[in-house]
Every structure is written in structure tokens, then in C-alpha cells.
Amino acid sequence: MTGERRPLADRPLTEPHPSRLPSGHPDRARILAAHTAALAAGEAGYLDPASGLFVLSAGFLARRGTCCGRGCRHCPYVDDPPSEQA
């Protein structure tokens, strides 16, 4: 996926893919609140509430236009793998 142009995933930018932020993550609510605030302010990202590391927002990643393939938490390109046809 590195540098590959692809369409955005079919989900809101506010909702990360479950493989990147599972619903049971202990800091999920705080992370989503920080991410939503960054999106609303048009900021490139936010400080992770648990680790203090800077995390890029889905808005910033979408504006970049390509997936870097580094496993970003809010990657707007990652989607479910295609289902296998029987």
C-alpha cells in the first residue's frame, strides 16, 4: 500500500478501522474525543491521551492523498479485505 493512490474507505473519518483501534481499547473514548477535536479544528493530529505521542488525524491523512502503509491509527484508506467468493 505504500504511496498507492486508492479511494477512501467507506466509513466516516471520525471512525477508525477496528483493526487500528478496537472497540474494547481502554482509552478508546479519550482517543476518539481527541481525534474528533483535531478534525474539527483542522489540525494535523493530536497528542495520544495515554502515551503522549503525536497521532495523525484521518483528515490530514486523507488530504495527503495516499496510504503510506505504516499502520496509522486513523488511516482513512484501510478497509476490510475483499471477501472471498465461494
PDB file of N, CA and C in Angstrom:
ATOM      1  N   MET A   1       0.808  -1.194   0.000  1.00  0.00           N
ATOM      2  CA  MET A   1       0.000   0.000   0.000  1.00  0.00           C
ATOM      3  C   MET A   1       0.855   1.264   0.000  1.00  0.00           C
ATOM      4  N   THR A   2       2.104   1.190   0.148  1.00  0.00           N
ATOM      5  CA  THR A   2       2.939   2.368   0.270  1.00  0.00           C
ATOM      6  C   THR A   2       2.806   3.286  -0.927  1.00  0.00           C
ATOM      7  N   GLY A   3       2.375   4.533  -0.663  1.00  0.00           N
ATOM      8  CA  GLY A   3       2.270   5.539  -1.707  1.00  0.00           C
ATOM      9  C   GLY A   3       1.209   5.271  -2.752  1.00  0.00           C
ATOM     10  N   GLU A   4       0.402   4.278  -2.529  1.00  0.00           N
ATOM     11  CA  GLU A   4      -0.601   3.876  -3.517  1.00  0.00           C
ATOM     12  C   GLU A   4      -1.836   4.762  -3.409  1.00  0.00           C
ATOM     13  N   ARG A   5      -2.255   5.342  -4.536  1.00  0.00           N
ATOM     14  CA  ARG A   5      -3.500   6.121  -4.555  1.00  0.00           C
ATOM     15  C   ARG A   5      -4.664   5.142  -4.558  1.00  0.00           C
ATOM     16  N   ARG A   6      -5.566   5.353  -3.629  1.00  0.00           N
ATOM     17  CA  ARG A   6      -6.739   4.492  -3.544  1.00  0.00           C
ATOM     18  C   ARG A   6      -7.882   5.293  -2.961  1.00  0.00           C
ATOM     19  N   PRO A   7      -9.102   4.831  -3.140  1.00  0.00           N
ATOM     20  CA  PRO A   7     -10.240   5.583  -2.596  1.00  0.00           C
ATOM     21  C   PRO A   7     -10.272   5.489  -1.069  1.00  0.00           C
ATOM     22  N   LEU A   8     -10.918   6.478  -0.467  1.00  0.00           N
ATOM     23  CA  LEU A   8     -11.110   6.439   0.977  1.00  0.00           C
ATOM     24  C   LEU A   8     -12.027   5.276   1.336  1.00  0.00           C
ATOM     25  N   ALA A   9     -11.838   4.725   2.510  1.00  0.00           N
ATOM     26  CA  ALA A   9     -12.690   3.646   2.992  1.00  0.00           C
ATOM     27  C   ALA A   9     -14.114   4.160   3.167  1.00  0.00           C
ATOM     28  N   ASP A  10     -15.064   3.248   3.124  1.00  0.00           N
ATOM     29  CA  ASP A  10     -16.474   3.598   3.231  1.00  0.00           C
ATOM     30  C   ASP A  10     -16.895   3.675   4.707  1.00  0.00           C
ATOM     31  N   ARG A  11     -16.368   4.700   5.404  1.00  0.00           N
ATOM     32  CA  ARG A  11     -16.746   4.977   6.788  1.00  0.00           C
ATOM     33  C   ARG A  11     -16.381   6.428   7.078  1.00  0.00           C
ATOM     34  N   PRO A  12     -17.008   7.031   8.072  1.00  0.00           N
ATOM     35  CA  PRO A  12     -16.695   8.425   8.383  1.00  0.00           C
ATOM     36  C   PRO A  12     -15.244   8.572   8.850  1.00  0.00           C
ATOM     37  N   LEU A  13     -14.653   9.731   8.604  1.00  0.00           N
ATOM     38  CA  LEU A  13     -13.278   9.978   9.049  1.00  0.00           C
ATOM     39  C   LEU A  13     -13.156   9.922  10.570  1.00  0.00           C
ATOM     40  N   THR A  14     -14.261  10.095  11.261  1.00  0.00           N
ATOM     41  CA  THR A  14     -14.248  10.060  12.728  1.00  0.00           C
ATOM     42  C   THR A  14     -14.141   8.636  13.273  1.00  0.00           C
ATOM     43  N   GLU A  15     -14.344   7.632  12.436  1.00  0.00           N
ATOM     44  CA  GLU A  15     -14.373   6.239  12.895  1.00  0.00           C
ATOM     45  C   GLU A  15     -13.176   5.461  12.351  1.00  0.00           C
ATOM     46  N   PRO A  16     -12.200   5.131  13.225  1.00  0.00           N
ATOM     47  CA  PRO A  16     -11.057   4.342  12.762  1.00  0.00           C
ATOM     48  C   PRO A  16     -11.455   2.897  12.485  1.00  0.00           C
ATOM     49  N   HIS A  17     -10.686   2.240  11.636  1.00  0.00           N
ATOM     50  CA  HIS A  17     -10.931   0.826  11.353  1.00  0.00           C
ATOM     51  C   HIS A  17     -10.728   0.030  12.645  1.00  0.00           C
ATOM     52  N   PRO A  18     -11.589  -0.966  12.916  1.00  0.00           N
ATOM     53  CA  PRO A  18     -11.482  -1.733  14.161  1.00  0.00           C
ATOM     54  C   PRO A  18     -10.135  -2.424  14.361  1.00  0.00           C
ATOM     55  N   SER A  19      -9.417  -2.693  13.284  1.00  0.00           N
ATOM     56  CA  SER A  19      -8.109  -3.327  13.452  1.00  0.00           C
ATOM     57  C   SER A  19      -7.072  -2.329  13.965  1.00  0.00           C
ATOM     58  N   ARG A  20      -7.363  -1.027  13.838  1.00  0.00           N
ATOM     59  CA  ARG A  20      -6.426   0.006  14.276  1.00  0.00           C
ATOM     60  C   ARG A  20      -6.779   0.571  15.649  1.00  0.00           C
ATOM     61  N   LEU A  21      -8.055   0.527  16.015  1.00  0.00           N
ATOM     62  CA  LEU A  21      -8.498   0.959  17.348  1.00  0.00           C
ATOM     63  C   LEU A  21      -9.732   0.125  17.714  1.00  0.00           C
ATOM     64  N   PRO A  22      -9.505  -1.016  18.348  1.00  0.00           N
ATOM     65  CA  PRO A  22     -10.616  -1.916  18.674  1.00  0.00           C
ATOM     66  C   PRO A  22     -11.632  -1.273  19.611  1.00  0.00           C
ATOM     67  N   SER A  23     -12.863  -1.738  19.528  1.00  0.00           N
ATOM     68  CA  SER A  23     -13.933  -1.168  20.356  1.00  0.00           C
ATOM     69  C   SER A  23     -13.667  -1.366  21.841  1.00  0.00           C
ATOM     70  N   GLY A  24     -12.892  -2.358  22.222  1.00  0.00           N
ATOM     71  CA  GLY A  24     -12.602  -2.612  23.629  1.00  0.00           C
ATOM     72  C   GLY A  24     -11.343  -1.931  24.149  1.00  0.00           C
ATOM     73  N   HIS A  25     -10.714  -1.099  23.351  1.00  0.00           N
ATOM     74  CA  HIS A  25      -9.489  -0.419  23.792  1.00  0.00           C
ATOM     75  C   HIS A  25      -9.801   0.428  25.019  1.00  0.00           C
ATOM     76  N   PRO A  26      -8.997   0.331  26.083  1.00  0.00           N
ATOM     77  CA  PRO A  26      -9.316   1.041  27.326  1.00  0.00           C
ATOM     78  C   PRO A  26      -9.344   2.572  27.203  1.00  0.00           C
ATOM     79  N   ASP A  27      -8.641   3.128  26.253  1.00  0.00           N
ATOM     80  CA  ASP A  27      -8.620   4.583  26.080  1.00  0.00           C
ATOM     81  C   ASP A  27      -9.395   5.043  24.850  1.00  0.00           C
ATOM     82  N   ARG A  28     -10.234   4.172  24.309  1.00  0.00           N
ATOM     83  CA  ARG A  28     -10.936   4.486  23.060  1.00  0.00           C
ATOM     84  C   ARG A  28     -11.724   5.799  23.134  1.00  0.00           C
ATOM     85  N   ALA A  29     -12.495   6.003  24.164  1.00  0.00           N
ATOM     86  CA  ALA A  29     -13.320   7.220  24.260  1.00  0.00           C
ATOM     87  C   ALA A  29     -12.444   8.471  24.292  1.00  0.00           C
ATOM     88  N   ARG A  30     -11.370   8.439  25.059  1.00  0.00           N
ATOM     89  CA  ARG A  30     -10.467   9.594  25.129  1.00  0.00           C
ATOM     90  C   ARG A  30      -9.762   9.824  23.796  1.00  0.00           C
ATOM     91  N   ILE A  31      -9.360   8.749  23.148  1.00  0.00           N
ATOM     92  CA  ILE A  31      -8.686   8.860  21.847  1.00  0.00           C
ATOM     93  C   ILE A  31      -9.640   9.451  20.814  1.00  0.00           C
ATOM     94  N   LEU A  32     -10.862   8.930  20.759  1.00  0.00           N
ATOM     95  CA  LEU A  32     -11.826   9.434  19.780  1.00  0.00           C
ATOM     96  C   LEU A  32     -12.188  10.888  20.042  1.00  0.00           C
ATOM     97  N   ALA A  33     -12.263  11.288  21.308  1.00  0.00           N
ATOM     98  CA  ALA A  33     -12.555  12.691  21.632  1.00  0.00           C
ATOM     99  C   ALA A  33     -11.423  13.595  21.155  1.00  0.00           C
ATOM    100  N   ALA A  34     -10.184  13.180  21.393  1.00  0.00           N
ATOM    101  CA  ALA A  34      -9.032  13.969  20.950  1.00  0.00           C
ATOM    102  C   ALA A  34      -8.977  14.033  19.420  1.00  0.00           C
ATOM    103  N   HIS A  35      -9.272  12.925  18.772  1.00  0.00           N
ATOM    104  CA  HIS A  35      -9.258  12.872  17.306  1.00  0.00           C
ATOM    105  C   HIS A  35     -10.357  13.754  16.724  1.00  0.00           C
ATOM    106  N   THR A  36     -11.552  13.674  17.277  1.00  0.00           N
ATOM    107  CA  THR A  36     -12.672  14.490  16.804  1.00  0.00           C
ATOM    108  C   THR A  36     -12.355  15.976  16.955  1.00  0.00           C
ATOM    109  N   ALA A  37     -11.742  16.354  18.068  1.00  0.00           N
ATOM    110  CA  ALA A  37     -11.363  17.753  18.281  1.00  0.00           C
ATOM    111  C   ALA A  37     -10.331  18.200  17.249  1.00  0.00           C
ATOM    112  N   ALA A  38      -9.364  17.338  16.938  1.00  0.00           N
ATOM    113  CA  ALA A  38      -8.349  17.668  15.928  1.00  0.00           C
ATOM    114  C   ALA A  38      -8.992  17.825  14.550  1.00  0.00           C
ATOM    115  N   LEU A  39      -9.918  16.940  14.209  1.00  0.00           N
ATOM    116  CA  LEU A  39     -10.619  17.036  12.923  1.00  0.00           C
ATOM    117  C   LEU A  39     -11.391  18.355  12.837  1.00  0.00           C
ATOM    118  N   ALA A  40     -12.129  18.679  13.894  1.00  0.00           N
ATOM    119  CA  ALA A  40     -12.947  19.897  13.901  1.00  0.00           C
ATOM    120  C   ALA A  40     -12.092  21.152  13.775  1.00  0.00           C
ATOM    121  N   ALA A  41     -10.895  21.121  14.334  1.00  0.00           N
ATOM    122  CA  ALA A  41     -10.008  22.282  14.302  1.00  0.00           C
ATOM    123  C   ALA A  41      -9.133  22.308  13.046  1.00  0.00           C
ATOM    124  N   GLY A  42      -9.221  21.252  12.239  1.00  0.00           N
ATOM    125  CA  GLY A  42      -8.399  21.173  11.029  1.00  0.00           C
ATOM    126  C   GLY A  42      -6.933  20.949  11.329  1.00  0.00           C
ATOM    127  N   GLU A  43      -6.649  20.387  12.493  1.00  0.00           N
ATOM    128  CA  GLU A  43      -5.269  20.130  12.893  1.00  0.00           C
ATOM    129  C   GLU A  43      -4.753  18.835  12.284  1.00  0.00           C
ATOM    130  N   ALA A  44      -3.438  18.747  12.156  1.00  0.00           N
ATOM    131  CA  ALA A  44      -2.808  17.562  11.565  1.00  0.00           C
ATOM    132  C   ALA A  44      -2.947  16.336  12.459  1.00  0.00           C
ATOM    133  N   GLY A  45      -3.111  16.531  13.744  1.00  0.00           N
ATOM    134  CA  GLY A  45      -3.228  15.401  14.642  1.00  0.00           C
ATOM    135  C   GLY A  45      -3.432  15.857  16.073  1.00  0.00           C
ATOM    136  N   TYR A  46      -3.150  14.960  17.008  1.00  0.00           N
ATOM    137  CA  TYR A  46      -3.379  15.215  18.425  1.00  0.00           C
ATOM    138  C   TYR A  46      -2.371  14.424  19.242  1.00  0.00           C
ATOM    139  N   LEU A  47      -2.247  14.773  20.501  1.00  0.00           N
ATOM    140  CA  LEU A  47      -1.407  14.003  21.410  1.00  0.00           C
ATOM    141  C   LEU A  47      -2.230  12.858  21.987  1.00  0.00           C
ATOM    142  N   ASP A  48      -1.718  11.650  21.844  1.00  0.00           N
ATOM    143  CA  ASP A  48      -2.405  10.475  22.369  1.00  0.00           C
ATOM    144  C   ASP A  48      -2.569  10.641  23.877  1.00  0.00           C
ATOM    145  N   PRO A  49      -3.807  10.493  24.388  1.00  0.00           N
ATOM    146  CA  PRO A  49      -4.052  10.710  25.809  1.00  0.00           C
ATOM    147  C   PRO A  49      -3.280   9.757  26.724  1.00  0.00           C
ATOM    148  N   ALA A  50      -2.939   8.571  26.264  1.00  0.00           N
ATOM    149  CA  ALA A  50      -2.246   7.604  27.116  1.00  0.00           C
ATOM    150  C   ALA A  50      -0.724   7.698  26.998  1.00  0.00           C
ATOM    151  N   SER A  51      -0.219   7.801  25.767  1.00  0.00           N
ATOM    152  CA  SER A  51       1.235   7.757  25.562  1.00  0.00           C
ATOM    153  C   SER A  51       1.878   9.126  25.406  1.00  0.00           C
ATOM    154  N   GLY A  52       1.078  10.125  25.021  1.00  0.00           N
ATOM    155  CA  GLY A  52       1.627  11.452  24.765  1.00  0.00           C
ATOM    156  C   GLY A  52       2.261  11.591  23.392  1.00  0.00           C
ATOM    157  N   LEU A  53       2.230  10.527  22.595  1.00  0.00           N
ATOM    158  CA  LEU A  53       2.783  10.580  21.242  1.00  0.00           C
ATOM    159  C   LEU A  53       1.833  11.331  20.309  1.00  0.00           C
ATOM    160  N   PHE A  54       2.389  11.967  19.277  1.00  0.00           N
ATOM    161  CA  PHE A  54       1.579  12.680  18.295  1.00  0.00           C
ATOM    162  C   PHE A  54       1.005  11.673  17.307  1.00  0.00           C
ATOM    163  N   VAL A  55      -0.311  11.732  17.082  1.00  0.00           N
ATOM    164  CA  VAL A  55      -1.018  10.813  16.186  1.00  0.00           C
ATOM    165  C   VAL A  55      -1.659  11.630  15.076  1.00  0.00           C
ATOM    166  N   LEU A  56      -1.424  11.247  13.831  1.00  0.00           N
ATOM    167  CA  LEU A  56      -2.006  11.964  12.696  1.00  0.00           C
ATOM    168  C   LEU A  56      -3.504  11.716  12.609  1.00  0.00           C
ATOM    169  N   SER A  57      -4.244  12.742  12.229  1.00  0.00           N
ATOM    170  CA  SER A  57      -5.695  12.622  12.091  1.00  0.00           C
ATOM    171  C   SER A  57      -6.062  12.040  10.730  1.00  0.00           C
ATOM    172  N   ALA A  58      -7.254  11.486  10.640  1.00  0.00           N
ATOM    173  CA  ALA A  58      -7.746  10.948   9.375  1.00  0.00           C
ATOM    174  C   ALA A  58      -7.874  12.053   8.336  1.00  0.00           C
ATOM    175  N   GLY A  59      -8.225  13.263   8.771  1.00  0.00           N
ATOM    176  CA  GLY A  59      -8.340  14.387   7.846  1.00  0.00           C
ATOM    177  C   GLY A  59      -7.002  14.709   7.200  1.00  0.00           C
ATOM    178  N   PHE A  60      -5.948  14.764   7.996  1.00  0.00           N
ATOM    179  CA  PHE A  60      -4.614  15.030   7.466  1.00  0.00           C
ATOM    180  C   PHE A  60      -4.200  13.933   6.495  1.00  0.00           C
ATOM    181  N   LEU A  61      -4.423  12.686   6.890  1.00  0.00           N
ATOM    182  CA  LEU A  61      -4.025  11.554   6.051  1.00  0.00           C
ATOM    183  C   LEU A  61      -4.817  11.523   4.745  1.00  0.00           C
ATOM    184  N   ALA A  62      -6.098  11.882   4.799  1.00  0.00           N
ATOM    185  CA  ALA A  62      -6.917  11.922   3.584  1.00  0.00           C
ATOM    186  C   ALA A  62      -6.442  13.025   2.648  1.00  0.00           C
ATOM    187  N   ARG A  63      -6.081  14.178   3.202  1.00  0.00           N
ATOM    188  CA  ARG A  63      -5.584  15.283   2.367  1.00  0.00           C
ATOM    189  C   ARG A  63      -4.256  14.929   1.703  1.00  0.00           C
ATOM    190  N   ARG A  64      -3.471  14.076   2.353  1.00  0.00           N
ATOM    191  CA  ARG A  64      -2.190  13.664   1.773  1.00  0.00           C
ATOM    192  C   ARG A  64      -2.414  12.891   0.473  1.00  0.00           C
ATOM    193  N   GLY A  65      -3.495  12.138   0.400  1.00  0.00           N
ATOM    194  CA  GLY A  65      -3.898  11.503  -0.849  1.00  0.00           C
ATOM    195  C   GLY A  65      -3.409  10.094  -1.102  1.00  0.00           C
ATOM    196  N   THR A  66      -2.539   9.582  -0.254  1.00  0.00           N
ATOM    197  CA  THR A  66      -2.059   8.211  -0.437  1.00  0.00           C
ATOM    198  C   THR A  66      -1.881   7.546   0.920  1.00  0.00           C
ATOM    199  N   CYS A  67      -1.877   6.235   0.911  1.00  0.00           N
ATOM    200  CA  CYS A  67      -1.612   5.452   2.109  1.00  0.00           C
ATOM    201  C   CYS A  67      -0.109   5.196   2.179  1.00  0.00           C
ATOM    202  N   CYS A  68       0.481   5.452   3.333  1.00  0.00           N
ATOM    203  CA  CYS A  68       1.925   5.236   3.488  1.00  0.00           C
ATOM    204  C   CYS A  68       2.254   3.801   3.871  1.00  0.00           C
ATOM    205  N   GLY A  69       1.252   3.040   4.302  1.00  0.00           N
ATOM    206  CA  GLY A  69       1.474   1.645   4.660  1.00  0.00           C
ATOM    207  C   GLY A  69       2.122   1.436   6.018  1.00  0.00           C
ATOM    208  N   ARG A  70       2.136   2.462   6.869  1.00  0.00           N
ATOM    209  CA  ARG A  70       2.804   2.347   8.167  1.00  0.00           C
ATOM    210  C   ARG A  70       1.863   1.991   9.310  1.00  0.00           C
ATOM    211  N   GLY A  71       0.612   1.719   9.025  1.00  0.00           N
ATOM    212  CA  GLY A  71      -0.313   1.282  10.066  1.00  0.00           C
ATOM    213  C   GLY A  71      -0.882   2.395  10.914  1.00  0.00           C
ATOM    214  N   CYS A  72      -1.075   3.576  10.331  1.00  0.00           N
ATOM    215  CA  CYS A  72      -1.605   4.718  11.082  1.00  0.00           C
ATOM    216  C   CYS A  72      -2.944   4.371  11.735  1.00  0.00           C
ATOM    217  N   ARG A  73      -3.116   4.823  12.962  1.00  0.00           N
ATOM    218  CA  ARG A  73      -4.334   4.528  13.726  1.00  0.00           C
ATOM    219  C   ARG A  73      -5.587   5.001  12.994  1.00  0.00           C
ATOM    220  N   HIS A  74      -5.542   6.175  12.388  1.00  0.00           N
ATOM    221  CA  HIS A  74      -6.728   6.752  11.755  1.00  0.00           C
ATOM    222  C   HIS A  74      -6.653   6.718  10.230  1.00  0.00           C
ATOM    223  N   CYS A  75      -5.921   5.751   9.677  1.00  0.00           N
ATOM    224  CA  CYS A  75      -5.789   5.655   8.220  1.00  0.00           C
ATOM    225  C   CYS A  75      -7.167   5.624   7.556  1.00  0.00           C
ATOM    226  N   PRO A  76      -7.449   6.594   6.686  1.00  0.00           N
ATOM    227  CA  PRO A  76      -8.761   6.625   6.041  1.00  0.00           C
ATOM    228  C   PRO A  76      -8.854   5.707   4.825  1.00  0.00           C
ATOM    229  N   TYR A  77      -7.783   4.992   4.536  1.00  0.00           N
ATOM    230  CA  TYR A  77      -7.763   4.124   3.355  1.00  0.00           C
ATOM    231  C   TYR A  77      -7.962   2.653   3.696  1.00  0.00           C
ATOM    232  N   VAL A  78      -7.529   2.239   4.896  1.00  0.00           N
ATOM    233  CA  VAL A  78      -7.625   0.826   5.253  1.00  0.00           C
ATOM    234  C   VAL A  78      -9.097   0.429   5.331  1.00  0.00           C
ATOM    235  N   ASP A  79      -9.381  -0.693   4.736  1.00  0.00           N
ATOM    236  CA  ASP A  79     -10.747  -1.205   4.699  1.00  0.00           C
ATOM    237  C   ASP A  79     -10.686  -2.703   4.925  1.00  0.00           C
ATOM    238  N   ASP A  80     -11.838  -3.316   5.069  1.00  0.00           N
ATOM    239  CA  ASP A  80     -11.858  -4.762   5.212  1.00  0.00           C
ATOM    240  C   ASP A  80     -11.299  -5.402   3.953  1.00  0.00           C
ATOM    241  N   PRO A  81     -10.568  -6.498   4.120  1.00  0.00           N
ATOM    242  CA  PRO A  81     -10.094  -7.185   2.905  1.00  0.00           C
ATOM    243  C   PRO A  81     -11.279  -7.693   2.109  1.00  0.00           C
ATOM    244  N   PRO A  82     -11.129  -7.786   0.789  1.00  0.00           N
ATOM    245  CA  PRO A  82     -12.241  -8.301  -0.026  1.00  0.00           C
ATOM    246  C   PRO A  82     -12.653  -9.689   0.444  1.00  0.00           C
ATOM    247  N   SER A  83     -13.943  -9.918   0.487  1.00  0.00           N
ATOM    248  CA  SER A  83     -14.407 -11.232   0.887  1.00  0.00           C
ATOM    249  C   SER A  83     -14.122 -12.238  -0.232  1.00  0.00           C
ATOM    250  N   GLU A  84     -13.814 -13.456   0.190  1.00  0.00           N
ATOM    251  CA  GLU A  84     -13.509 -14.483  -0.805  1.00  0.00           C
ATOM    252  C   GLU A  84     -14.809 -15.041  -1.360  1.00  0.00           C
ATOM    253  N   GLN A  85     -14.835 -15.199  -2.656  1.00  0.00           N
ATOM    254  CA  GLN A  85     -16.003 -15.740  -3.342  1.00  0.00           C
ATOM    255  C   GLN A  85     -15.932 -17.271  -3.298  1.00  0.00           C
ATOM    256  N   ALA A  86     -17.041 -17.898  -3.040  1.00  0.00           N
ATOM    257  CA  ALA A  86     -17.075 -19.379  -2.989  1.00  0.00           C
ATOM    258  C   ALA A  86     -17.169 -19.955  -4.370  1.00  0.00           C
TER     259      ALA A  86
END
